[in-house]
Amino acid sequence: MPTLSVVVPHSLEQEQVVARLKAESETVLSSFGDHVRDFEHSWDDHTLTFRFTTFGMAVDGRVRVEPNQISTTASVPLAAMMFKGAIEANIRNRLEELLAPQS
């Protein structure tokens, strides 16, 4: 399966990033729940492993919260690769918003 990959730097504590990602997953599911089926996820320390089906396509991946960056990888069907740039840009933009320092 082809892979998507997004790396976003951050200046937060790892635990802050994990907390924000956990809260964000609830928001995403409530927003896109009609299009996502069979969503499974688990956290192991600073690593999120996930899988789901959307529009009949299976997606699985991993989000690693590292000390200075988040690394996201996902395996997607070949049919989704025509949208690779748009998908990666959307993920990058959302992560940058999520990781912006809050005042």
Protein backbone atom coordinates (compact mmCIF):
# COMPACT_ATOMS: atom_id res chain seq x y z
CA MET A 1 0.00 0.00 0.00
CA PRO A 2 1.21 3.54 -0.71
CA THR A 3 2.10 5.72 2.27
CA LEU A 4 1.29 9.28 3.27
CA SER A 5 3.76 11.05 5.53
CA VAL A 6 3.58 14.35 7.40
CA VAL A 7 6.10 15.79 9.87
CA VAL A 8 5.21 18.90 11.86
CA PRO A 9 7.56 20.56 14.35
CA HIS A 10 6.31 21.72 17.75
CA SER A 11 7.63 23.47 20.84
CA LEU A 12 5.29 21.91 23.41
CA GLU A 13 5.83 19.23 26.03
CA GLN A 14 5.06 15.77 24.68
CA GLU A 15 2.25 15.27 27.21
CA GLN A 16 0.59 18.51 26.05
CA VAL A 17 0.71 17.31 22.46
CA VAL A 18 -0.76 13.92 23.38
CA ALA A 19 -3.58 15.61 25.33
CA ARG A 20 -4.38 17.89 22.40
CA LEU A 21 -4.37 14.98 19.95
CA LYS A 22 -6.69 12.96 22.17
CA ALA A 23 -9.13 15.86 22.37
CA GLU A 24 -8.85 16.44 18.62
CA SER A 25 -9.70 12.83 17.82
CA GLU A 26 -13.10 13.31 19.48
CA THR A 27 -13.71 16.46 17.40
CA VAL A 28 -12.71 14.74 14.17
CA LEU A 29 -14.92 11.74 14.84
CA SER A 30 -17.93 13.92 15.58
CA SER A 31 -17.29 15.98 12.43
CA PHE A 32 -16.59 13.11 10.03
CA GLY A 33 -18.37 10.26 11.77
CA ASP A 34 -20.78 9.78 8.86
CA HIS A 35 -17.83 8.98 6.57
CA VAL A 36 -15.71 6.91 8.97
CA ARG A 37 -16.44 3.29 9.81
CA ASP A 38 -14.71 0.70 11.98
CA PHE A 39 -12.49 3.28 13.70
CA GLU A 40 -9.97 1.70 16.06
CA HIS A 41 -7.15 3.41 17.87
CA SER A 42 -4.80 2.86 20.76
CA TRP A 43 -2.11 4.87 22.51
CA ASP A 44 1.17 3.38 23.63
CA ASP A 45 3.01 6.10 25.51
CA HIS A 46 3.56 8.81 22.86
CA THR A 47 2.45 6.77 19.84
CA LEU A 48 -1.06 6.53 18.44
CA THR A 49 -1.89 3.59 16.19
CA PHE A 50 -5.12 3.83 14.21
CA ARG A 51 -7.21 2.21 11.51
CA PHE A 52 -10.53 3.02 9.90
CA THR A 53 -12.51 2.74 6.68
CA THR A 54 -13.69 5.77 4.74
CA PHE A 55 -15.53 5.80 1.43
CA GLY A 56 -14.89 2.06 1.23
CA MET A 57 -11.12 2.44 1.59
CA ALA A 58 -9.12 1.05 4.52
CA VAL A 59 -6.57 3.35 6.13
CA ASP A 60 -4.12 2.50 8.89
CA GLY A 61 -1.29 4.45 10.38
CA ARG A 62 0.68 5.83 13.26
CA VAL A 63 1.22 9.21 14.89
CA ARG A 64 4.42 9.58 16.91
CA VAL A 65 4.77 12.48 19.30
CA GLU A 66 8.49 13.13 19.49
CA PRO A 67 10.16 15.80 21.66
CA ASN A 68 10.24 18.40 18.86
CA GLN A 69 7.93 17.07 16.15
CA ILE A 70 4.97 14.91 15.29
CA SER A 71 5.51 12.23 12.65
CA THR A 72 2.40 10.90 10.95
CA THR A 73 2.36 8.00 8.51
CA ALA A 74 -0.59 6.22 6.98
CA SER A 75 -1.03 3.42 4.50
CA VAL A 76 -3.77 4.17 2.01
CA PRO A 77 -5.15 2.38 -1.05
CA LEU A 78 -3.69 3.26 -4.43
CA ALA A 79 -7.00 4.91 -5.36
CA ALA A 80 -6.42 7.58 -2.70
CA MET A 81 -3.00 8.57 -4.05
CA MET A 82 -4.48 11.05 -6.53
CA PHE A 83 -5.46 13.04 -3.43
CA LYS A 84 -2.11 12.56 -1.64
CA GLY A 85 -1.02 16.21 -1.78
CA ALA A 86 -4.37 17.50 -0.58
CA ILE A 87 -4.61 14.93 2.22
CA GLU A 88 -1.07 15.68 3.46
CA ALA A 89 -1.68 19.44 3.28
CA ASN A 90 -4.91 19.12 5.29
CA ILE A 91 -3.21 16.99 7.94
CA ARG A 92 -0.24 19.40 8.14
CA ASN A 93 -2.51 22.46 8.42
CA ARG A 94 -4.68 20.92 11.13
CA LEU A 95 -1.64 19.78 13.14
CA GLU A 96 -0.04 23.23 12.88
CA GLU A 97 -3.26 24.80 14.19
CA LEU A 98 -3.52 22.23 16.95
CA LEU A 99 0.09 22.69 18.06
CA ALA A 100 0.15 26.48 18.00
CA PRO A 101 1.03 27.90 21.43
CA GLN A 102 -2.11 29.02 23.24
CA SER A 103 -2.17 32.29 25.08
